[in-house]
Amino acid sequence: MGSFWRRGIVAPRRRVTRLRELVLLAAALVCLAAPILVVLWQRAELLQSGYQIERLRAERAQLRELVRKLRVERASLVSLASVEKQAREELGLVTPPNGRVYFVGPEGVR
């Protein structure tokens, strides 16, 4: 009768106790691993943000240089001397002789 009791009643209690211990062990491991995983995830996000900041800083520097070049180009295009030089050299225009200038307005030639 001893083997009956071991198989029938005592053995299920050991299984329940063993299962309970395994569940508690798994819960403890999850509780220990979760904060570590959160810290690692935060660290990865921080590194990614740092790389993105550096990329954006480099892009900003390039854009500032482009703006500087465009301002210089605009100033050269707007200056009267530059416009006159382009008109003479590229378009072949010349200064008209006195009396040969005609103003055309809405009412016609004056």
Protein backbone atom coordinates (compact mmCIF):
# COMPACT_ATOMS: atom_id res chain seq x y z
CA MET A 1 0.00 0.00 0.00
CA GLY A 2 2.93 2.33 0.41
CA SER A 3 3.55 2.51 -3.33
CA PHE A 4 -0.11 3.40 -3.90
CA TRP A 5 0.18 6.36 -1.62
CA ARG A 6 3.36 7.47 -3.27
CA ARG A 7 1.89 7.32 -6.72
CA GLY A 8 -1.61 8.52 -5.98
CA ILE A 9 -1.46 11.22 -3.35
CA VAL A 10 2.09 12.08 -2.42
CA ALA A 11 3.43 12.28 -5.99
CA PRO A 12 0.85 14.88 -7.18
CA ARG A 13 1.73 17.10 -4.20
CA ARG A 14 5.39 16.95 -5.19
CA ARG A 15 4.46 17.82 -8.77
CA VAL A 16 2.41 20.78 -7.63
CA THR A 17 5.21 21.94 -5.36
CA ARG A 18 7.75 21.49 -8.17
CA LEU A 19 5.50 23.33 -10.62
CA ARG A 20 5.03 26.13 -8.10
CA GLU A 21 8.81 26.38 -7.66
CA LEU A 22 9.34 26.53 -11.43
CA VAL A 23 6.72 29.26 -11.79
CA LEU A 24 8.32 31.26 -8.98
CA LEU A 25 11.77 30.80 -10.54
CA ALA A 26 10.48 31.95 -13.93
CA ALA A 27 8.81 34.99 -12.33
CA ALA A 28 12.02 35.86 -10.48
CA LEU A 29 14.04 35.60 -13.70
CA VAL A 30 11.57 37.85 -15.51
CA CYS A 31 11.73 40.37 -12.66
CA LEU A 32 15.53 40.38 -12.86
CA ALA A 33 15.77 40.43 -16.65
CA ALA A 34 13.15 43.12 -17.30
CA PRO A 35 15.09 46.06 -15.80
CA ILE A 36 18.26 44.95 -17.57
CA LEU A 37 16.44 44.81 -20.89
CA VAL A 38 14.91 48.25 -20.27
CA VAL A 39 18.35 49.74 -19.54
CA LEU A 40 19.83 48.16 -22.67
CA TRP A 41 16.93 49.44 -24.79
CA GLN A 42 17.34 52.96 -23.39
CA ARG A 43 21.08 52.85 -24.10
CA ALA A 44 20.45 51.80 -27.70
CA GLU A 45 17.93 54.62 -28.15
CA LEU A 46 20.41 57.11 -26.68
CA LEU A 47 23.13 56.01 -29.11
CA GLN A 48 20.75 56.21 -32.05
CA SER A 49 19.68 59.72 -31.01
CA GLY A 50 23.32 60.77 -30.75
CA TYR A 51 24.05 59.54 -34.27
CA GLN A 52 20.99 61.36 -35.59
CA ILE A 53 22.03 64.59 -33.86
CA GLU A 54 25.50 64.41 -35.43
CA ARG A 55 24.00 63.75 -38.87
CA LEU A 56 21.66 66.72 -38.51
CA ARG A 57 24.52 68.98 -37.36
CA ALA A 58 26.53 68.06 -40.44
CA GLU A 59 23.52 68.71 -42.66
CA ARG A 60 22.96 72.08 -40.98
CA ALA A 61 26.60 73.05 -41.60
CA GLN A 62 26.25 72.15 -45.28
CA LEU A 63 23.05 74.18 -45.58
CA ARG A 64 24.65 77.19 -43.90
CA GLU A 65 27.53 77.03 -46.39
CA LEU A 66 25.05 76.82 -49.27
CA VAL A 67 23.14 79.85 -47.94
CA ARG A 68 26.41 81.79 -47.68
CA LYS A 69 27.33 80.95 -51.29
CA LEU A 70 23.86 81.87 -52.54
CA ARG A 71 23.99 85.24 -50.75
CA VAL A 72 27.33 86.02 -52.39
CA GLU A 73 25.95 85.02 -55.78
CA ARG A 74 22.82 87.12 -55.25
CA ALA A 75 24.90 90.14 -54.29
CA SER A 76 27.00 89.77 -57.42
CA LEU A 77 23.93 89.41 -59.62
CA VAL A 78 22.16 92.40 -58.11
CA SER A 79 25.08 94.81 -58.28
CA LEU A 80 24.79 97.29 -61.15
CA ALA A 81 28.40 96.78 -62.24
CA SER A 82 27.87 93.05 -62.54
CA VAL A 83 24.69 93.50 -64.57
CA GLU A 84 26.42 95.97 -66.89
CA LYS A 85 29.41 93.64 -67.34
CA GLN A 86 27.12 90.72 -68.22
CA ALA A 87 25.17 92.91 -70.65
CA ARG A 88 28.34 93.97 -72.45
CA GLU A 89 30.24 90.67 -72.45
CA GLU A 90 27.53 88.00 -72.69
CA LEU A 91 24.79 89.85 -74.60
CA GLY A 92 26.96 92.19 -76.67
CA LEU A 93 25.06 95.33 -75.65
CA VAL A 94 26.67 98.78 -75.94
CA THR A 95 25.95 102.19 -74.46
CA PRO A 96 23.75 104.11 -76.92
CA PRO A 97 24.98 107.45 -78.27
CA ASN A 98 23.32 110.62 -76.94
CA GLY A 99 19.91 111.25 -78.38
CA ARG A 100 19.36 107.64 -79.36
CA VAL A 101 17.54 106.64 -76.18
CA TYR A 102 13.80 106.18 -76.52
CA PHE A 103 11.47 105.66 -73.57
CA VAL A 104 8.47 103.48 -74.27
CA GLY A 105 5.56 103.83 -71.90
CA PRO A 106 1.87 102.95 -71.95
CA GLU A 107 1.08 105.92 -74.17
CA GLY A 108 3.80 105.08 -76.72
CA VAL A 109 7.26 106.34 -77.54
CA ARG A 110 8.38 109.66 -75.97
